[in-house]
Amino acid sequence: MLKAVFFDLDGTLLPMDEQEFTKGYFKFLLEKVSSRGYGEPSFFIDTIWKGVYAMYKNDGTMKNEDRFWNVFDEAYQEDKSKDKPIFDSFYVNEFKKAKAFTAPNPLAREIVDYCHSHVEHTILSTNPIFPRGGQITRLSFIGLKEDDFEYITDYSNSVYCKPNPMYFKSLLEKFNLKPEEVILFGNNNYEDGDCASSLGIKTYLVKGYIIYSPKAKGTYEEIEMKDIIPTIEKEKELRK
């Protein structure tokens, strides 16, 4: 039986070129923190990337949030985690301007509503490297809300990141799911495809902004956005 559908966000439900999006929104973030003693913009951005890398490599012993801020504290030799409210405010407010670096998805509402009616769990399995507000703001770009998903991973509720299979394993355990009861829609053949399939979760890549990593070992069926609902219907029939 198909019980759950996992969705990636960036480049999947939310059409975007991730590099263009990140480069664009970093300008807004720099403006937000310009008076907070972060020094040269290049050093600040480099520290963000180091923090992201630390989250990617997280081993489950602390939250991704703590991994990220530990890097900032070390880089600046002071308690920068005191600025969390500044960052949280940014991701709820100024971050909205980053919508300019994305494309609309007129099918997003129909897809999510279908899932609510046909599977037990609709999960946003976007990589948990953003604060909660950042996840919700990006959802708003395609007309979706926090309560459109039973669960959303963010850096405060997660201790792993894709491509670590433990990221998906923790979701399976949280909802008492078997891999064969889940399908994933993503856009990265390594972080989504290999990561999920290593546990037995079937993965589809949504065309438009697929990222082909040289690290990927598997190949995955590629579908259009309009094919997501028919694909779920097909998988439901296969798993009766």
Protein backbone atom coordinates (compact mmCIF):
# COMPACT_ATOMS: atom_id res chain seq x y z
CA MET A 1 0.00 0.00 0.00
CA LEU A 2 1.16 3.52 -0.79
CA LYS A 3 0.90 5.48 2.45
CA ALA A 4 3.14 8.51 1.96
CA VAL A 5 4.43 10.92 -0.64
CA PHE A 6 7.64 12.83 0.04
CA PHE A 7 8.31 16.02 -1.90
CA ASP A 8 11.54 17.91 -2.39
CA LEU A 9 11.00 21.67 -2.74
CA ASP A 10 13.74 23.60 -4.55
CA GLY A 11 13.81 22.63 -8.21
CA THR A 12 10.92 20.20 -7.69
CA LEU A 13 7.65 21.68 -6.40
CA LEU A 14 9.27 25.12 -6.54
CA PRO A 15 10.80 25.63 -10.00
CA MET A 16 14.19 27.30 -9.73
CA ASP A 17 17.81 27.20 -10.68
CA GLU A 18 19.30 26.67 -7.23
CA GLN A 19 22.59 28.45 -7.97
CA GLU A 20 20.84 31.51 -9.40
CA PHE A 21 18.41 31.56 -6.47
CA THR A 22 21.14 31.32 -3.84
CA LYS A 23 23.31 33.96 -5.46
CA GLY A 24 20.32 36.27 -5.71
CA TYR A 25 19.02 35.95 -2.18
CA PHE A 26 22.47 36.24 -0.57
CA LYS A 27 22.45 39.90 -1.66
CA PHE A 28 19.33 40.50 0.41
CA LEU A 29 20.82 38.65 3.39
CA LEU A 30 23.99 40.74 3.22
CA GLU A 31 21.87 43.89 3.33
CA LYS A 32 20.05 42.57 6.40
CA VAL A 33 23.20 41.87 8.42
CA SER A 34 25.41 44.70 7.14
CA SER A 35 25.34 46.48 10.50
CA ARG A 36 25.82 43.37 12.65
CA GLY A 37 29.62 43.11 12.56
CA TYR A 38 30.10 40.35 10.03
CA GLY A 39 33.00 42.03 8.26
CA GLU A 40 33.80 41.47 4.62
CA PRO A 41 30.88 40.10 2.59
CA SER A 42 33.09 37.40 1.10
CA PHE A 43 34.03 36.12 4.56
CA PHE A 44 30.39 36.13 5.64
CA ILE A 45 29.28 34.17 2.57
CA ASP A 46 32.18 31.76 2.96
CA THR A 47 31.12 31.17 6.58
CA ILE A 48 27.55 30.45 5.48
CA TRP A 49 28.81 27.80 3.08
CA LYS A 50 30.96 26.28 5.81
CA GLY A 51 27.90 26.18 8.03
CA VAL A 52 25.88 24.51 5.30
CA TYR A 53 28.65 21.95 4.78
CA ALA A 54 28.64 21.22 8.52
CA MET A 55 24.91 20.53 8.32
CA TYR A 56 25.39 18.28 5.31
CA LYS A 57 27.94 16.27 7.27
CA ASN A 58 25.92 16.19 10.49
CA ASP A 59 26.13 12.83 12.25
CA GLY A 60 22.92 13.00 14.24
CA THR A 61 24.49 14.05 17.54
CA MET A 62 23.06 17.59 17.46
CA LYS A 63 20.51 19.60 15.51
CA ASN A 64 21.48 21.05 12.14
CA GLU A 65 20.75 24.46 13.63
CA ASP A 66 23.45 23.99 16.26
CA ARG A 67 25.94 22.70 13.69
CA PHE A 68 25.40 25.82 11.60
CA TRP A 69 25.78 28.31 14.43
CA ASN A 70 28.80 26.54 15.90
CA VAL A 71 30.59 27.30 12.64
CA PHE A 72 29.66 30.98 12.92
CA ASP A 73 30.80 31.19 16.53
CA GLU A 74 34.13 29.64 15.62
CA ALA A 75 34.66 31.77 12.52
CA TYR A 76 33.95 35.06 14.29
CA GLN A 77 35.32 34.04 17.70
CA GLU A 78 32.19 35.24 19.44
CA ASP A 79 28.62 34.16 20.12
CA LYS A 80 26.97 34.89 16.79
CA SER A 81 24.02 32.64 17.63
CA LYS A 82 22.62 35.68 19.43
CA ASP A 83 21.73 36.92 15.95
CA LYS A 84 19.32 34.05 15.28
CA PRO A 85 16.33 36.41 15.63
CA ILE A 86 17.83 38.63 12.91
CA PHE A 87 18.14 35.69 10.54
CA ASP A 88 14.69 34.39 11.47
CA SER A 89 13.24 37.81 10.69
CA PHE A 90 15.03 37.85 7.35
CA TYR A 91 13.61 34.50 6.26
CA VAL A 92 10.07 35.58 7.15
CA ASN A 93 10.32 39.05 5.58
CA GLU A 94 13.09 40.16 3.19
CA PHE A 95 13.53 36.62 1.88
CA LYS A 96 10.19 37.03 0.11
CA LYS A 97 11.98 39.14 -2.51
CA ALA A 98 13.79 35.99 -3.62
CA LYS A 99 10.60 34.92 -5.36
CA ALA A 100 12.03 36.88 -8.30
CA PHE A 101 14.54 34.07 -8.77
CA THR A 102 11.90 31.34 -9.02
CA ALA A 103 9.17 30.34 -11.46
CA PRO A 104 5.48 29.69 -10.73
CA ASN A 105 3.98 26.25 -10.36
CA PRO A 106 0.25 26.43 -11.14
CA LEU A 107 -0.10 22.70 -10.41
CA ALA A 108 1.28 22.80 -6.86
CA ARG A 109 -2.09 23.25 -5.14
CA GLU A 110 -3.77 20.51 -7.16
CA ILE A 111 -0.93 18.08 -6.47
CA VAL A 112 -0.91 18.64 -2.72
CA ASP A 113 -4.70 18.54 -2.44
CA TYR A 114 -4.72 15.25 -4.34
CA CYS A 115 -2.22 13.79 -1.90
CA HIS A 116 -4.34 14.85 1.07
CA SER A 117 -7.23 12.86 -0.37
CA HIS A 118 -5.33 9.77 -1.47
CA VAL A 119 -2.43 9.04 0.90
CA GLU A 120 -2.03 9.12 4.67
CA HIS A 121 1.08 11.32 4.82
CA THR A 122 2.19 14.26 2.68
CA ILE A 123 5.71 15.23 3.73
CA LEU A 124 7.94 18.09 2.57
CA SER A 125 11.35 16.45 2.57
CA THR A 126 13.30 19.54 1.57
CA ASN A 127 16.89 19.58 2.78
CA PRO A 128 16.79 20.96 6.34
CA ILE A 129 19.39 23.69 5.98
CA PHE A 130 16.98 26.62 6.42
CA PRO A 131 15.15 27.90 9.50
CA ARG A 132 11.43 27.14 9.62
CA GLY A 133 10.57 30.56 8.24
CA GLY A 134 12.72 29.98 5.18
CA GLN A 135 10.89 26.77 4.35
CA ILE A 136 7.48 28.40 4.74
CA THR A 137 8.40 31.49 2.74
CA ARG A 138 9.61 29.39 -0.18
CA LEU A 139 6.36 27.43 -0.07
CA SER A 140 4.45 30.71 -0.34
CA PHE A 141 6.11 31.35 -3.70
CA ILE A 142 3.90 28.59 -5.15
CA GLY A 143 0.80 29.35 -3.12
CA LEU A 144 1.31 26.70 -0.44
CA LYS A 145 1.28 26.99 3.35
CA GLU A 146 2.82 25.26 6.31
CA ASP A 147 -0.32 23.27 7.06
CA ASP A 148 -0.42 21.86 3.53
CA PHE A 149 2.11 19.31 4.79
CA GLU A 150 1.91 17.00 7.74
CA TYR A 151 5.60 17.52 8.37
CA ILE A 152 8.31 19.84 7.05
CA THR A 153 11.97 19.28 7.76
CA ASP A 154 13.98 22.35 8.78
CA TYR A 155 17.28 22.98 10.50
CA SER A 156 15.70 23.09 13.95
CA ASN A 157 13.96 19.70 13.82
CA SER A 158 16.55 17.67 11.91
CA VAL A 159 19.91 16.10 12.72
CA TYR A 160 20.78 14.87 9.23
CA CYS A 161 20.74 16.21 5.66
CA LYS A 162 20.46 14.66 2.25
CA PRO A 163 22.42 12.83 0.85
CA ASN A 164 22.83 10.96 4.14
CA PRO A 165 20.34 8.07 3.99
CA MET A 166 19.72 8.60 7.70
CA TYR A 167 17.75 11.70 6.72
CA PHE A 168 15.10 9.56 5.02
CA LYS A 169 15.46 6.74 7.54
CA SER A 170 14.53 9.14 10.33
CA LEU A 171 11.39 10.16 8.43
CA LEU A 172 10.41 6.54 7.91
CA GLU A 173 10.85 5.87 11.61
CA LYS A 174 8.98 9.00 12.67
CA PHE A 175 5.88 7.97 10.72
CA ASN A 176 6.28 4.22 11.14
CA LEU A 177 6.62 3.72 7.40
CA LYS A 178 8.23 0.99 5.35
CA PRO A 179 10.24 2.09 2.28
CA GLU A 180 7.82 0.30 -0.05
CA GLU A 181 4.99 2.45 1.34
CA VAL A 182 6.61 5.69 0.16
CA ILE A 183 7.47 7.45 -3.09
CA LEU A 184 9.63 10.53 -3.45
CA PHE A 185 9.52 13.31 -6.01
CA GLY A 186 12.80 15.17 -6.26
CA ASN A 187 15.17 16.83 -8.70
CA ASN A 188 18.61 15.59 -7.70
CA ASN A 189 19.77 12.17 -8.82
CA TYR A 190 22.22 11.92 -5.91
CA GLU A 191 20.70 13.79 -2.95
CA ASP A 192 17.18 12.58 -3.71
CA GLY A 193 17.61 9.54 -5.93
CA ASP A 194 20.57 7.64 -4.50
CA CYS A 195 19.85 8.76 -0.96
CA ALA A 196 16.25 7.53 -0.90
CA SER A 197 16.68 4.48 -3.10
CA SER A 198 19.46 3.18 -0.84
CA LEU A 199 16.66 2.53 1.64
CA GLY A 200 14.24 1.17 -0.95
CA ILE A 201 12.19 4.34 -1.48
CA LYS A 202 11.16 4.69 -5.12
CA THR A 203 12.19 8.06 -6.55
CA TYR A 204 10.97 10.08 -9.51
CA LEU A 205 12.83 13.13 -10.80
CA VAL A 206 10.68 16.06 -11.90
CA LYS A 207 11.88 17.61 -15.14
CA GLY A 208 12.79 21.26 -15.51
CA TYR A 209 15.58 21.73 -13.00
CA ILE A 210 17.07 18.28 -12.55
CA ILE A 211 20.57 18.25 -11.03
CA TYR A 212 22.75 15.45 -12.36
CA SER A 213 25.53 14.76 -9.88
CA PRO A 214 28.64 12.88 -11.00
CA LYS A 215 28.43 11.08 -7.66
CA ALA A 216 25.12 9.44 -8.53
CA LYS A 217 25.15 5.72 -9.17
CA GLY A 218 21.49 5.12 -9.96
CA THR A 219 19.16 6.21 -12.73
CA TYR A 220 15.62 7.37 -12.06
CA GLU A 221 12.50 7.86 -14.11
CA GLU A 222 12.02 11.47 -15.13
CA ILE A 223 8.53 12.94 -15.34
CA GLU A 224 6.85 16.27 -16.02
CA MET A 225 5.08 18.20 -13.26
CA LYS A 226 1.75 17.32 -14.89
CA ASP A 227 2.60 13.65 -14.50
CA ILE A 228 2.93 13.68 -10.71
CA ILE A 229 -0.73 12.89 -9.97
CA PRO A 230 -0.96 10.15 -12.64
CA THR A 231 2.28 8.71 -11.26
CA ILE A 232 0.85 8.58 -7.74
CA GLU A 233 -2.28 6.92 -9.14
CA LYS A 234 -0.13 4.35 -10.93
CA GLU A 235 1.91 3.64 -7.80
CA LYS A 236 -1.25 3.22 -5.74
CA GLU A 237 -2.50 0.59 -8.18
CA LEU A 238 0.84 -1.22 -8.19
CA ARG A 239 0.91 -1.40 -4.40
CA LYS A 240 -2.62 -2.61 -3.71
